[in-house]
Amino acid sequence: MKLSAPKKVTWYTGVIAGVLGLIGNWITLPVVTEASFILVTIGFAVLAISTAVKNM
């Protein structure tokens, strides 16, 4: 399998989702705290998939 670098928009989306999930785990925020694990999972999945799929 040949890996490729993700586009900037995809990378920023994954990083923002992951960071929001981490912040929601440490600080109590109404919506973010409830979905912190899901946000981290989505952020990691977006980064992993965008590296594996070309032109994403």
PDB file of N, CA and C in Angstrom:
ATOM      1  N   MET A   1       0.844  -1.167   0.000  1.00  0.00           N
ATOM      2  CA  MET A   1       0.000   0.000   0.000  1.00  0.00           C
ATOM      3  C   MET A   1       0.892   1.232   0.000  1.00  0.00           C
ATOM      4  N   LYS A   2       0.599   2.139  -0.907  1.00  0.00           N
ATOM      5  CA  LYS A   2       1.371   3.367  -0.996  1.00  0.00           C
ATOM      6  C   LYS A   2       0.609   4.485  -0.280  1.00  0.00           C
ATOM      7  N   LEU A   3       1.252   5.115   0.674  1.00  0.00           N
ATOM      8  CA  LEU A   3       0.624   6.178   1.446  1.00  0.00           C
ATOM      9  C   LEU A   3       0.914   7.530   0.810  1.00  0.00           C
ATOM     10  N   SER A   4      -0.026   8.456   1.000  1.00  0.00           N
ATOM     11  CA  SER A   4       0.161   9.804   0.467  1.00  0.00           C
ATOM     12  C   SER A   4      -0.205  10.825   1.542  1.00  0.00           C
ATOM     13  N   ALA A   5       0.319  12.011   1.386  1.00  0.00           N
ATOM     14  CA  ALA A   5       0.023  13.073   2.347  1.00  0.00           C
ATOM     15  C   ALA A   5      -1.410  13.574   2.145  1.00  0.00           C
ATOM     16  N   PRO A   6      -2.134  13.803   3.229  1.00  0.00           N
ATOM     17  CA  PRO A   6      -3.503  14.320   3.089  1.00  0.00           C
ATOM     18  C   PRO A   6      -3.491  15.794   2.699  1.00  0.00           C
ATOM     19  N   LYS A   7      -4.610  16.257   2.160  1.00  0.00           N
ATOM     20  CA  LYS A   7      -4.731  17.675   1.853  1.00  0.00           C
ATOM     21  C   LYS A   7      -4.795  18.466   3.151  1.00  0.00           C
ATOM     22  N   LYS A   8      -4.486  19.743   3.066  1.00  0.00           N
ATOM     23  CA  LYS A   8      -4.438  20.582   4.263  1.00  0.00           C
ATOM     24  C   LYS A   8      -5.796  20.657   4.958  1.00  0.00           C
ATOM     25  N   VAL A   9      -6.873  20.778   4.200  1.00  0.00           N
ATOM     26  CA  VAL A   9      -8.207  20.882   4.793  1.00  0.00           C
ATOM     27  C   VAL A   9      -8.556  19.610   5.565  1.00  0.00           C
ATOM     28  N   THR A  10      -8.240  18.470   4.995  1.00  0.00           N
ATOM     29  CA  THR A  10      -8.513  17.207   5.664  1.00  0.00           C
ATOM     30  C   THR A  10      -7.667  17.064   6.916  1.00  0.00           C
ATOM     31  N   TRP A  11      -6.415  17.459   6.824  1.00  0.00           N
ATOM     32  CA  TRP A  11      -5.525  17.364   7.981  1.00  0.00           C
ATOM     33  C   TRP A  11      -6.001  18.263   9.109  1.00  0.00           C
ATOM     34  N   TYR A  12      -6.341  19.511   8.776  1.00  0.00           N
ATOM     35  CA  TYR A  12      -6.833  20.438   9.797  1.00  0.00           C
ATOM     36  C   TYR A  12      -8.139  19.941  10.416  1.00  0.00           C
ATOM     37  N   THR A  13      -9.017  19.357   9.616  1.00  0.00           N
ATOM     38  CA  THR A  13     -10.278  18.832  10.141  1.00  0.00           C
ATOM     39  C   THR A  13     -10.024  17.728  11.165  1.00  0.00           C
ATOM     40  N   GLY A  14      -9.139  16.807  10.841  1.00  0.00           N
ATOM     41  CA  GLY A  14      -8.817  15.719  11.764  1.00  0.00           C
ATOM     42  C   GLY A  14      -8.153  16.213  13.040  1.00  0.00           C
ATOM     43  N   VAL A  15      -7.242  17.165  12.901  1.00  0.00           N
ATOM     44  CA  VAL A  15      -6.543  17.699  14.075  1.00  0.00           C
ATOM     45  C   VAL A  15      -7.500  18.496  14.961  1.00  0.00           C
ATOM     46  N   ILE A  16      -8.358  19.297  14.366  1.00  0.00           N
ATOM     47  CA  ILE A  16      -9.316  20.079  15.158  1.00  0.00           C
ATOM     48  C   ILE A  16     -10.272  19.167  15.903  1.00  0.00           C
ATOM     49  N   ALA A  17     -10.766  18.128  15.242  1.00  0.00           N
ATOM     50  CA  ALA A  17     -11.660  17.186  15.924  1.00  0.00           C
ATOM     51  C   ALA A  17     -10.948  16.502  17.086  1.00  0.00           C
ATOM     52  N   GLY A  18      -9.708  16.096  16.875  1.00  0.00           N
ATOM     53  CA  GLY A  18      -8.952  15.451  17.945  1.00  0.00           C
ATOM     54  C   GLY A  18      -8.660  16.376  19.106  1.00  0.00           C
ATOM     55  N   VAL A  19      -8.282  17.611  18.809  1.00  0.00           N
ATOM     56  CA  VAL A  19      -7.981  18.579  19.864  1.00  0.00           C
ATOM     57  C   VAL A  19      -9.247  18.941  20.643  1.00  0.00           C
ATOM     58  N   LEU A  20     -10.353  19.111  19.954  1.00  0.00           N
ATOM     59  CA  LEU A  20     -11.614  19.373  20.656  1.00  0.00           C
ATOM     60  C   LEU A  20     -11.981  18.220  21.584  1.00  0.00           C
ATOM     61  N   GLY A  21     -11.755  17.007  21.130  1.00  0.00           N
ATOM     62  CA  GLY A  21     -12.019  15.843  21.979  1.00  0.00           C
ATOM     63  C   GLY A  21     -11.134  15.820  23.208  1.00  0.00           C
ATOM     64  N   LEU A  22      -9.869  16.148  23.050  1.00  0.00           N
ATOM     65  CA  LEU A  22      -8.955  16.191  24.197  1.00  0.00           C
ATOM     66  C   LEU A  22      -9.328  17.305  25.168  1.00  0.00           C
ATOM     67  N   ILE A  23      -9.656  18.475  24.638  1.00  0.00           N
ATOM     68  CA  ILE A  23     -10.072  19.586  25.499  1.00  0.00           C
ATOM     69  C   ILE A  23     -11.354  19.233  26.237  1.00  0.00           C
ATOM     70  N   GLY A  24     -12.274  18.599  25.542  1.00  0.00           N
ATOM     71  CA  GLY A  24     -13.531  18.192  26.178  1.00  0.00           C
ATOM     72  C   GLY A  24     -13.335  17.157  27.262  1.00  0.00           C
ATOM     73  N   ASN A  25     -12.262  16.417  27.195  1.00  0.00           N
ATOM     74  CA  ASN A  25     -11.967  15.431  28.235  1.00  0.00           C
ATOM     75  C   ASN A  25     -11.422  16.101  29.489  1.00  0.00           C
ATOM     76  N   TRP A  26     -10.715  17.212  29.340  1.00  0.00           N
ATOM     77  CA  TRP A  26     -10.095  17.896  30.480  1.00  0.00           C
ATOM     78  C   TRP A  26     -10.965  18.997  31.070  1.00  0.00           C
ATOM     79  N   ILE A  27     -11.705  19.708  30.203  1.00  0.00           N
ATOM     80  CA  ILE A  27     -12.526  20.840  30.635  1.00  0.00           C
ATOM     81  C   ILE A  27     -13.986  20.511  30.346  1.00  0.00           C
ATOM     82  N   THR A  28     -14.855  20.867  31.238  1.00  0.00           N
ATOM     83  CA  THR A  28     -16.274  20.594  31.046  1.00  0.00           C
ATOM     84  C   THR A  28     -16.884  21.643  30.115  1.00  0.00           C
ATOM     85  N   LEU A  29     -17.224  21.196  28.922  1.00  0.00           N
ATOM     86  CA  LEU A  29     -17.931  22.009  27.938  1.00  0.00           C
ATOM     87  C   LEU A  29     -19.216  21.271  27.587  1.00  0.00           C
ATOM     88  N   PRO A  30     -20.338  21.973  27.441  1.00  0.00           N
ATOM     89  CA  PRO A  30     -21.635  21.306  27.305  1.00  0.00           C
ATOM     90  C   PRO A  30     -21.704  20.192  26.259  1.00  0.00           C
ATOM     91  N   VAL A  31     -21.392  20.456  25.028  1.00  0.00           N
ATOM     92  CA  VAL A  31     -21.538  19.446  23.969  1.00  0.00           C
ATOM     93  C   VAL A  31     -20.262  18.646  23.777  1.00  0.00           C
ATOM     94  N   VAL A  32     -19.142  19.312  23.874  1.00  0.00           N
ATOM     95  CA  VAL A  32     -17.858  18.685  23.568  1.00  0.00           C
ATOM     96  C   VAL A  32     -17.499  17.607  24.583  1.00  0.00           C
ATOM     97  N   THR A  33     -17.796  17.831  25.853  1.00  0.00           N
ATOM     98  CA  THR A  33     -17.448  16.855  26.888  1.00  0.00           C
ATOM     99  C   THR A  33     -18.185  15.541  26.679  1.00  0.00           C
ATOM    100  N   GLU A  34     -19.443  15.631  26.285  1.00  0.00           N
ATOM    101  CA  GLU A  34     -20.240  14.416  26.066  1.00  0.00           C
ATOM    102  C   GLU A  34     -19.725  13.597  24.892  1.00  0.00           C
ATOM    103  N   ALA A  35     -19.156  14.255  23.909  1.00  0.00           N
ATOM    104  CA  ALA A  35     -18.707  13.576  22.687  1.00  0.00           C
ATOM    105  C   ALA A  35     -17.193  13.551  22.559  1.00  0.00           C
ATOM    106  N   SER A  36     -16.464  13.671  23.661  1.00  0.00           N
ATOM    107  CA  SER A  36     -15.006  13.786  23.565  1.00  0.00           C
ATOM    108  C   SER A  36     -14.362  12.536  22.976  1.00  0.00           C
ATOM    109  N   PHE A  37     -14.787  11.362  23.406  1.00  0.00           N
ATOM    110  CA  PHE A  37     -14.206  10.136  22.869  1.00  0.00           C
ATOM    111  C   PHE A  37     -14.522   9.994  21.387  1.00  0.00           C
ATOM    112  N   ILE A  38     -15.732  10.327  21.009  1.00  0.00           N
ATOM    113  CA  ILE A  38     -16.133  10.227  19.603  1.00  0.00           C
ATOM    114  C   ILE A  38     -15.333  11.205  18.749  1.00  0.00           C
ATOM    115  N   LEU A  39     -15.107  12.413  19.258  1.00  0.00           N
ATOM    116  CA  LEU A  39     -14.330  13.396  18.507  1.00  0.00           C
ATOM    117  C   LEU A  39     -12.891  12.955  18.295  1.00  0.00           C
ATOM    118  N   VAL A  40     -12.277  12.394  19.322  1.00  0.00           N
ATOM    119  CA  VAL A  40     -10.903  11.908  19.172  1.00  0.00           C
ATOM    120  C   VAL A  40     -10.856  10.752  18.180  1.00  0.00           C
ATOM    121  N   THR A  41     -11.830   9.866  18.264  1.00  0.00           N
ATOM    122  CA  THR A  41     -11.887   8.733  17.339  1.00  0.00           C
ATOM    123  C   THR A  41     -12.088   9.198  15.899  1.00  0.00           C
ATOM    124  N   ILE A  42     -12.982  10.147  15.696  1.00  0.00           N
ATOM    125  CA  ILE A  42     -13.228  10.672  14.352  1.00  0.00           C
ATOM    126  C   ILE A  42     -11.984  11.385  13.821  1.00  0.00           C
ATOM    127  N   GLY A  43     -11.336  12.171  14.666  1.00  0.00           N
ATOM    128  CA  GLY A  43     -10.122  12.866  14.242  1.00  0.00           C
ATOM    129  C   GLY A  43      -9.034  11.904  13.815  1.00  0.00           C
ATOM    130  N   PHE A  44      -8.821  10.865  14.611  1.00  0.00           N
ATOM    131  CA  PHE A  44      -7.808   9.876  14.253  1.00  0.00           C
ATOM    132  C   PHE A  44      -8.196   9.127  12.979  1.00  0.00           C
ATOM    133  N   ALA A  45      -9.466   8.772  12.852  1.00  0.00           N
ATOM    134  CA  ALA A  45      -9.916   8.043  11.662  1.00  0.00           C
ATOM    135  C   ALA A  45      -9.762   8.894  10.404  1.00  0.00           C
ATOM    136  N   VAL A  46     -10.101  10.165  10.484  1.00  0.00           N
ATOM    137  CA  VAL A  46      -9.949  11.054   9.324  1.00  0.00           C
ATOM    138  C   VAL A  46      -8.487  11.133   8.907  1.00  0.00           C
ATOM    139  N   LEU A  47      -7.590  11.282   9.874  1.00  0.00           N
ATOM    140  CA  LEU A  47      -6.164  11.352   9.543  1.00  0.00           C
ATOM    141  C   LEU A  47      -5.653  10.042   8.956  1.00  0.00           C
ATOM    142  N   ALA A  48      -6.066   8.923   9.518  1.00  0.00           N
ATOM    143  CA  ALA A  48      -5.602   7.631   9.016  1.00  0.00           C
ATOM    144  C   ALA A  48      -6.144   7.331   7.621  1.00  0.00           C
ATOM    145  N   ILE A  49      -7.429   7.595   7.418  1.00  0.00           N
ATOM    146  CA  ILE A  49      -8.031   7.311   6.114  1.00  0.00           C
ATOM    147  C   ILE A  49      -7.490   8.246   5.047  1.00  0.00           C
ATOM    148  N   SER A  50      -7.305   9.509   5.404  1.00  0.00           N
ATOM    149  CA  SER A  50      -6.806  10.463   4.390  1.00  0.00           C
ATOM    150  C   SER A  50      -5.357  10.166   4.005  1.00  0.00           C
ATOM    151  N   THR A  51      -4.614   9.499   4.863  1.00  0.00           N
ATOM    152  CA  THR A  51      -3.262   9.100   4.499  1.00  0.00           C
ATOM    153  C   THR A  51      -3.291   7.880   3.578  1.00  0.00           C
ATOM    154  N   ALA A  52      -4.240   6.998   3.780  1.00  0.00           N
ATOM    155  CA  ALA A  52      -4.322   5.772   2.989  1.00  0.00           C
ATOM    156  C   ALA A  52      -4.969   5.973   1.623  1.00  0.00           C
ATOM    157  N   VAL A  53      -5.899   6.940   1.522  1.00  0.00           N
ATOM    158  CA  VAL A  53      -6.625   7.173   0.275  1.00  0.00           C
ATOM    159  C   VAL A  53      -5.989   8.348  -0.455  1.00  0.00           C
ATOM    160  N   LYS A  54      -5.729   8.152  -1.729  1.00  0.00           N
ATOM    161  CA  LYS A  54      -5.073   9.196  -2.522  1.00  0.00           C
ATOM    162  C   LYS A  54      -6.062  10.316  -2.840  1.00  0.00           C
ATOM    163  N   ASN A  55      -5.575  11.542  -2.854  1.00  0.00           N
ATOM    164  CA  ASN A  55      -6.354  12.748  -3.182  1.00  0.00           C
ATOM    165  C   ASN A  55      -7.495  13.027  -2.214  1.00  0.00           C
ATOM    166  N   MET A  56      -7.285  12.752  -0.967  1.00  0.00           N
ATOM    167  CA  MET A  56      -8.326  13.064   0.020  1.00  0.00           C
ATOM    168  C   MET A  56      -7.853  14.167   0.920  1.00  0.00           C
TER     169      MET A  56
END
